[in-house]
Amino acid sequence: MKKKTIKRALSPSERESITGFSDSFGSGREYEMRRKRRKILTAVFTVFITVLLITIGYFVTETLLNITELPVE
């Protein structure tokens, strides 16, 4: 009995273009590094924006609570 071989998925740097279009676009280690860098920056900015929104919400809440505790004139 012959064993079936399973084809593994190729990374973008290992793929070959059928039409020749992707020889210079969207492949290679440089492209993969840019994608990786973009993912890292997206994660960092997401965390930064989340922390910023929480901080702004805290200060707005504290300010509004202080306003409500002021004596009525």
PDB file of N, CA and C in Angstrom:
ATOM      1  N   MET A   1       0.820  -1.170   0.000  1.00  0.00           N
ATOM      2  CA  MET A   1       0.000   0.000   0.000  1.00  0.00           C
ATOM      3  C   MET A   1       0.875   1.249   0.000  1.00  0.00           C
ATOM      4  N   LYS A   2       0.483   2.208  -0.814  1.00  0.00           N
ATOM      5  CA  LYS A   2       1.254   3.435  -0.929  1.00  0.00           C
ATOM      6  C   LYS A   2       0.719   4.477   0.053  1.00  0.00           C
ATOM      7  N   LYS A   3       1.629   5.108   0.777  1.00  0.00           N
ATOM      8  CA  LYS A   3       1.225   6.140   1.723  1.00  0.00           C
ATOM      9  C   LYS A   3       0.973   7.440   0.967  1.00  0.00           C
ATOM     10  N   LYS A   4      -0.074   8.125   1.380  1.00  0.00           N
ATOM     11  CA  LYS A   4      -0.369   9.421   0.778  1.00  0.00           C
ATOM     12  C   LYS A   4       0.473  10.483   1.475  1.00  0.00           C
ATOM     13  N   THR A   5       1.064  11.350   0.691  1.00  0.00           N
ATOM     14  CA  THR A   5       1.828  12.445   1.284  1.00  0.00           C
ATOM     15  C   THR A   5       0.920  13.657   1.419  1.00  0.00           C
ATOM     16  N   ILE A   6       1.073  14.326   2.510  1.00  0.00           N
ATOM     17  CA  ILE A   6       0.277  15.522   2.763  1.00  0.00           C
ATOM     18  C   ILE A   6       1.118  16.727   2.377  1.00  0.00           C
ATOM     19  N   LYS A   7       0.547  17.563   1.509  1.00  0.00           N
ATOM     20  CA  LYS A   7       1.260  18.776   1.109  1.00  0.00           C
ATOM     21  C   LYS A   7       1.120  19.804   2.221  1.00  0.00           C
ATOM     22  N   ARG A   8       2.224  20.397   2.565  1.00  0.00           N
ATOM     23  CA  ARG A   8       2.172  21.419   3.607  1.00  0.00           C
ATOM     24  C   ARG A   8       1.946  22.783   2.971  1.00  0.00           C
ATOM     25  N   ALA A   9       1.373  23.674   3.730  1.00  0.00           N
ATOM     26  CA  ALA A   9       1.128  25.025   3.236  1.00  0.00           C
ATOM     27  C   ALA A   9       2.454  25.768   3.172  1.00  0.00           C
ATOM     28  N   LEU A  10       2.675  26.425   2.076  1.00  0.00           N
ATOM     29  CA  LEU A  10       3.924  27.156   1.896  1.00  0.00           C
ATOM     30  C   LEU A  10       3.786  28.567   2.428  1.00  0.00           C
ATOM     31  N   SER A  11       4.859  29.067   2.989  1.00  0.00           N
ATOM     32  CA  SER A  11       4.858  30.455   3.431  1.00  0.00           C
ATOM     33  C   SER A  11       5.002  31.345   2.204  1.00  0.00           C
ATOM     34  N   PRO A  12       4.668  32.633   2.319  1.00  0.00           N
ATOM     35  CA  PRO A  12       4.747  33.513   1.157  1.00  0.00           C
ATOM     36  C   PRO A  12       6.125  33.544   0.499  1.00  0.00           C
ATOM     37  N   SER A  13       7.186  33.336   1.262  1.00  0.00           N
ATOM     38  CA  SER A  13       8.518  33.373   0.660  1.00  0.00           C
ATOM     39  C   SER A  13       8.825  32.104  -0.125  1.00  0.00           C
ATOM     40  N   GLU A  14       8.063  31.035   0.098  1.00  0.00           N
ATOM     41  CA  GLU A  14       8.300  29.773  -0.596  1.00  0.00           C
ATOM     42  C   GLU A  14       7.381  29.559  -1.794  1.00  0.00           C
ATOM     43  N   ARG A  15       6.339  30.344  -1.899  1.00  0.00           N
ATOM     44  CA  ARG A  15       5.392  30.180  -2.998  1.00  0.00           C
ATOM     45  C   ARG A  15       5.987  30.684  -4.302  1.00  0.00           C
ATOM     46  N   GLU A  16       5.564  30.072  -5.367  1.00  0.00           N
ATOM     47  CA  GLU A  16       5.974  30.547  -6.682  1.00  0.00           C
ATOM     48  C   GLU A  16       4.747  31.078  -7.395  1.00  0.00           C
ATOM     49  N   SER A  17       4.942  32.117  -8.147  1.00  0.00           N
ATOM     50  CA  SER A  17       3.833  32.744  -8.833  1.00  0.00           C
ATOM     51  C   SER A  17       3.464  31.966 -10.086  1.00  0.00           C
ATOM     52  N   ILE A  18       2.176  31.871 -10.330  1.00  0.00           N
ATOM     53  CA  ILE A  18       1.709  31.240 -11.561  1.00  0.00           C
ATOM     54  C   ILE A  18       1.755  32.254 -12.692  1.00  0.00           C
ATOM     55  N   THR A  19       1.335  33.469 -12.406  1.00  0.00           N
ATOM     56  CA  THR A  19       1.252  34.490 -13.449  1.00  0.00           C
ATOM     57  C   THR A  19       2.490  35.360 -13.525  1.00  0.00           C
ATOM     58  N   GLY A  20       3.360  35.280 -12.571  1.00  0.00           N
ATOM     59  CA  GLY A  20       4.537  36.136 -12.561  1.00  0.00           C
ATOM     60  C   GLY A  20       4.297  37.461 -11.873  1.00  0.00           C
ATOM     61  N   PHE A  21       3.048  37.703 -11.446  1.00  0.00           N
ATOM     62  CA  PHE A  21       2.719  38.978 -10.809  1.00  0.00           C
ATOM     63  C   PHE A  21       3.370  39.100  -9.445  1.00  0.00           C
ATOM     64  N   SER A  22       3.369  38.028  -8.691  1.00  0.00           N
ATOM     65  CA  SER A  22       3.841  38.131  -7.311  1.00  0.00           C
ATOM     66  C   SER A  22       5.346  37.950  -7.172  1.00  0.00           C
ATOM     67  N   ASP A  23       6.074  37.985  -8.263  1.00  0.00           N
ATOM     68  CA  ASP A  23       7.531  37.913  -8.148  1.00  0.00           C
ATOM     69  C   ASP A  23       8.082  39.098  -7.367  1.00  0.00           C
ATOM     70  N   SER A  24       7.473  40.263  -7.567  1.00  0.00           N
ATOM     71  CA  SER A  24       7.976  41.453  -6.894  1.00  0.00           C
ATOM     72  C   SER A  24       6.985  42.010  -5.880  1.00  0.00           C
ATOM     73  N   PHE A  25       5.846  41.375  -5.715  1.00  0.00           N
ATOM     74  CA  PHE A  25       4.820  41.917  -4.827  1.00  0.00           C
ATOM     75  C   PHE A  25       4.347  40.848  -3.853  1.00  0.00           C
ATOM     76  N   GLY A  26       4.379  41.171  -2.587  1.00  0.00           N
ATOM     77  CA  GLY A  26       3.758  40.330  -1.576  1.00  0.00           C
ATOM     78  C   GLY A  26       4.456  39.035  -1.260  1.00  0.00           C
ATOM     79  N   SER A  27       5.742  38.967  -1.455  1.00  0.00           N
ATOM     80  CA  SER A  27       6.429  37.741  -1.080  1.00  0.00           C
ATOM     81  C   SER A  27       7.831  38.083  -0.611  1.00  0.00           C
ATOM     82  N   GLY A  28       8.485  37.108  -0.080  1.00  0.00           N
ATOM     83  CA  GLY A  28       9.851  37.306   0.377  1.00  0.00           C
ATOM     84  C   GLY A  28       9.931  37.629   1.846  1.00  0.00           C
ATOM     85  N   ARG A  29      11.131  37.552   2.355  1.00  0.00           N
ATOM     86  CA  ARG A  29      11.345  37.804   3.781  1.00  0.00           C
ATOM     87  C   ARG A  29      11.045  39.250   4.148  1.00  0.00           C
ATOM     88  N   GLU A  30      11.343  40.169   3.252  1.00  0.00           N
ATOM     89  CA  GLU A  30      11.089  41.571   3.541  1.00  0.00           C
ATOM     90  C   GLU A  30       9.591  41.810   3.768  1.00  0.00           C
ATOM     91  N   TYR A  31       8.777  41.224   2.924  1.00  0.00           N
ATOM     92  CA  TYR A  31       7.325  41.358   3.053  1.00  0.00           C
ATOM     93  C   TYR A  31       6.844  40.745   4.364  1.00  0.00           C
ATOM     94  N   GLU A  32       7.371  39.587   4.702  1.00  0.00           N
ATOM     95  CA  GLU A  32       6.974  38.931   5.949  1.00  0.00           C
ATOM     96  C   GLU A  32       7.381  39.763   7.159  1.00  0.00           C
ATOM     97  N   MET A  33       8.550  40.385   7.102  1.00  0.00           N
ATOM     98  CA  MET A  33       8.992  41.234   8.214  1.00  0.00           C
ATOM     99  C   MET A  33       8.098  42.459   8.340  1.00  0.00           C
ATOM    100  N   ARG A  34       7.678  43.039   7.208  1.00  0.00           N
ATOM    101  CA  ARG A  34       6.775  44.188   7.262  1.00  0.00           C
ATOM    102  C   ARG A  34       5.432  43.791   7.863  1.00  0.00           C
ATOM    103  N   ARG A  35       4.925  42.620   7.494  1.00  0.00           N
ATOM    104  CA  ARG A  35       3.665  42.140   8.059  1.00  0.00           C
ATOM    105  C   ARG A  35       3.794  41.915   9.555  1.00  0.00           C
ATOM    106  N   LYS A  36       4.903  41.307   9.964  1.00  0.00           N
ATOM    107  CA  LYS A  36       5.134  41.047  11.392  1.00  0.00           C
ATOM    108  C   LYS A  36       5.233  42.368  12.156  1.00  0.00           C
ATOM    109  N   ARG A  37       5.973  43.334  11.609  1.00  0.00           N
ATOM    110  CA  ARG A  37       6.121  44.642  12.242  1.00  0.00           C
ATOM    111  C   ARG A  37       4.769  45.343  12.349  1.00  0.00           C
ATOM    112  N   ARG A  38       3.955  45.234  11.295  1.00  0.00           N
ATOM    113  CA  ARG A  38       2.638  45.864  11.302  1.00  0.00           C
ATOM    114  C   ARG A  38       1.748  45.242  12.374  1.00  0.00           C
ATOM    115  N   LYS A  39       1.807  43.928  12.542  1.00  0.00           N
ATOM    116  CA  LYS A  39       1.017  43.266  13.579  1.00  0.00           C
ATOM    117  C   LYS A  39       1.455  43.707  14.967  1.00  0.00           C
ATOM    118  N   ILE A  40       2.761  43.817  15.168  1.00  0.00           N
ATOM    119  CA  ILE A  40       3.279  44.246  16.469  1.00  0.00           C
ATOM    120  C   ILE A  40       2.847  45.674  16.762  1.00  0.00           C
ATOM    121  N   LEU A  41       2.983  46.566  15.775  1.00  0.00           N
ATOM    122  CA  LEU A  41       2.588  47.960  15.976  1.00  0.00           C
ATOM    123  C   LEU A  41       1.088  48.075  16.226  1.00  0.00           C
ATOM    124  N   THR A  42       0.297  47.277  15.528  1.00  0.00           N
ATOM    125  CA  THR A  42      -1.147  47.295  15.752  1.00  0.00           C
ATOM    126  C   THR A  42      -1.471  46.880  17.181  1.00  0.00           C
ATOM    127  N   ALA A  43      -0.816  45.857  17.678  1.00  0.00           N
ATOM    128  CA  ALA A  43      -1.053  45.407  19.052  1.00  0.00           C
ATOM    129  C   ALA A  43      -0.632  46.475  20.058  1.00  0.00           C
ATOM    130  N   VAL A  44       0.519  47.097  19.829  1.00  0.00           N
ATOM    131  CA  VAL A  44       1.007  48.138  20.747  1.00  0.00           C
ATOM    132  C   VAL A  44       0.054  49.325  20.758  1.00  0.00           C
ATOM    133  N   PHE A  45      -0.382  49.768  19.578  1.00  0.00           N
ATOM    134  CA  PHE A  45      -1.303  50.903  19.519  1.00  0.00           C
ATOM    135  C   PHE A  45      -2.658  50.562  20.130  1.00  0.00           C
ATOM    136  N   THR A  46      -3.112  49.330  19.972  1.00  0.00           N
ATOM    137  CA  THR A  46      -4.379  48.919  20.577  1.00  0.00           C
ATOM    138  C   THR A  46      -4.291  48.988  22.098  1.00  0.00           C
ATOM    139  N   VAL A  47      -3.209  48.496  22.658  1.00  0.00           N
ATOM    140  CA  VAL A  47      -3.019  48.558  24.112  1.00  0.00           C
ATOM    141  C   VAL A  47      -2.907  50.012  24.564  1.00  0.00           C
ATOM    142  N   PHE A  48      -2.160  50.825  23.827  1.00  0.00           N
ATOM    143  CA  PHE A  48      -1.985  52.233  24.183  1.00  0.00           C
ATOM    144  C   PHE A  48      -3.320  52.971  24.172  1.00  0.00           C
ATOM    145  N   ILE A  49      -4.120  52.773  23.127  1.00  0.00           N
ATOM    146  CA  ILE A  49      -5.416  53.446  23.023  1.00  0.00           C
ATOM    147  C   ILE A  49      -6.348  52.979  24.144  1.00  0.00           C
ATOM    148  N   THR A  50      -6.316  51.690  24.465  1.00  0.00           N
ATOM    149  CA  THR A  50      -7.159  51.165  25.541  1.00  0.00           C
ATOM    150  C   THR A  50      -6.792  51.802  26.878  1.00  0.00           C
ATOM    151  N   VAL A  51      -5.509  51.862  27.176  1.00  0.00           N
ATOM    152  CA  VAL A  51      -5.056  52.488  28.429  1.00  0.00           C
ATOM    153  C   VAL A  51      -5.409  53.969  28.439  1.00  0.00           C
ATOM    154  N   LEU A  52      -5.258  54.636  27.310  1.00  0.00           N
ATOM    155  CA  LEU A  52      -5.589  56.056  27.215  1.00  0.00           C
ATOM    156  C   LEU A  52      -7.076  56.288  27.476  1.00  0.00           C
ATOM    157  N   LEU A  53      -7.936  55.467  26.884  1.00  0.00           N
ATOM    158  CA  LEU A  53      -9.376  55.617  27.101  1.00  0.00           C
ATOM    159  C   LEU A  53      -9.758  55.357  28.554  1.00  0.00           C
ATOM    160  N   ILE A  54      -9.145  54.367  29.173  1.00  0.00           N
ATOM    161  CA  ILE A  54      -9.430  54.088  30.584  1.00  0.00           C
ATOM    162  C   ILE A  54      -8.993  55.262  31.454  1.00  0.00           C
ATOM    163  N   THR A  55      -7.830  55.832  31.165  1.00  0.00           N
ATOM    164  CA  THR A  55      -7.326  56.975  31.935  1.00  0.00           C
ATOM    165  C   THR A  55      -8.230  58.191  31.772  1.00  0.00           C
ATOM    166  N   ILE A  56      -8.632  58.479  30.547  1.00  0.00           N
ATOM    167  CA  ILE A  56      -9.525  59.617  30.304  1.00  0.00           C
ATOM    168  C   ILE A  56     -10.854  59.401  31.020  1.00  0.00           C
ATOM    169  N   GLY A  57     -11.383  58.188  30.947  1.00  0.00           N
ATOM    170  CA  GLY A  57     -12.636  57.877  31.639  1.00  0.00           C
ATOM    171  C   GLY A  57     -12.523  58.062  33.139  1.00  0.00           C
ATOM    172  N   TYR A  58     -11.386  57.672  33.704  1.00  0.00           N
ATOM    173  CA  TYR A  58     -11.168  57.837  35.143  1.00  0.00           C
ATOM    174  C   TYR A  58     -11.188  59.318  35.526  1.00  0.00           C
ATOM    175  N   PHE A  59     -10.449  60.150  34.773  1.00  0.00           N
ATOM    176  CA  PHE A  59     -10.391  61.568  35.117  1.00  0.00           C
ATOM    177  C   PHE A  59     -11.728  62.267  34.903  1.00  0.00           C
ATOM    178  N   VAL A  60     -12.458  61.894  33.874  1.00  0.00           N
ATOM    179  CA  VAL A  60     -13.782  62.489  33.657  1.00  0.00           C
ATOM    180  C   VAL A  60     -14.716  62.097  34.798  1.00  0.00           C
ATOM    181  N   THR A  61     -14.687  60.850  35.199  1.00  0.00           N
ATOM    182  CA  THR A  61     -15.537  60.384  36.297  1.00  0.00           C
ATOM    183  C   THR A  61     -15.181  61.092  37.601  1.00  0.00           C
ATOM    184  N   GLU A  62     -13.895  61.200  37.901  1.00  0.00           N
ATOM    185  CA  GLU A  62     -13.467  61.894  39.121  1.00  0.00           C
ATOM    186  C   GLU A  62     -13.902  63.352  39.105  1.00  0.00           C
ATOM    187  N   THR A  63     -13.778  64.012  37.964  1.00  0.00           N
ATOM    188  CA  THR A  63     -14.176  65.418  37.859  1.00  0.00           C
ATOM    189  C   THR A  63     -15.676  65.566  38.084  1.00  0.00           C
ATOM    190  N   LEU A  64     -16.461  64.707  37.463  1.00  0.00           N
ATOM    191  CA  LEU A  64     -17.913  64.793  37.637  1.00  0.00           C
ATOM    192  C   LEU A  64     -18.321  64.482  39.073  1.00  0.00           C
ATOM    193  N   LEU A  65     -17.658  63.543  39.722  1.00  0.00           N
ATOM    194  CA  LEU A  65     -17.968  63.251  41.124  1.00  0.00           C
ATOM    195  C   LEU A  65     -17.611  64.430  42.018  1.00  0.00           C
ATOM    196  N   ASN A  66     -16.503  65.089  41.736  1.00  0.00           N
ATOM    197  CA  ASN A  66     -16.118  66.263  42.528  1.00  0.00           C
ATOM    198  C   ASN A  66     -17.103  67.404  42.326  1.00  0.00           C
ATOM    199  N   ILE A  67     -17.627  67.548  41.117  1.00  0.00           N
ATOM    200  CA  ILE A  67     -18.604  68.609  40.857  1.00  0.00           C
ATOM    201  C   ILE A  67     -19.886  68.338  41.636  1.00  0.00           C
ATOM    202  N   THR A  68     -20.314  67.082  41.690  1.00  0.00           N
ATOM    203  CA  THR A  68     -21.561  66.774  42.405  1.00  0.00           C
ATOM    204  C   THR A  68     -21.409  66.894  43.915  1.00  0.00           C
ATOM    205  N   GLU A  69     -20.199  66.818  44.437  1.00  0.00           N
ATOM    206  CA  GLU A  69     -19.989  66.933  45.879  1.00  0.00           C
ATOM    207  C   GLU A  69     -19.833  68.380  46.336  1.00  0.00           C
ATOM    208  N   LEU A  70     -19.757  69.327  45.407  1.00  0.00           N
ATOM    209  CA  LEU A  70     -19.642  70.736  45.780  1.00  0.00           C
ATOM    210  C   LEU A  70     -20.945  71.213  46.418  1.00  0.00           C
ATOM    211  N   PRO A  71     -20.847  72.117  47.398  1.00  0.00           N
ATOM    212  CA  PRO A  71     -22.075  72.632  48.019  1.00  0.00           C
ATOM    213  C   PRO A  71     -22.870  73.485  47.020  1.00  0.00           C
ATOM    214  N   VAL A  72     -24.175  73.410  47.136  1.00  0.00           N
ATOM    215  CA  VAL A  72     -25.055  74.173  46.250  1.00  0.00           C
ATOM    216  C   VAL A  72     -25.106  75.603  46.746  1.00  0.00           C
ATOM    217  N   GLU A  73     -24.947  76.532  45.849  1.00  0.00           N
ATOM    218  CA  GLU A  73     -24.967  77.948  46.251  1.00  0.00           C
ATOM    219  C   GLU A  73     -26.337  78.535  46.096  1.00  0.00           C
TER     220      GLU A  73
END
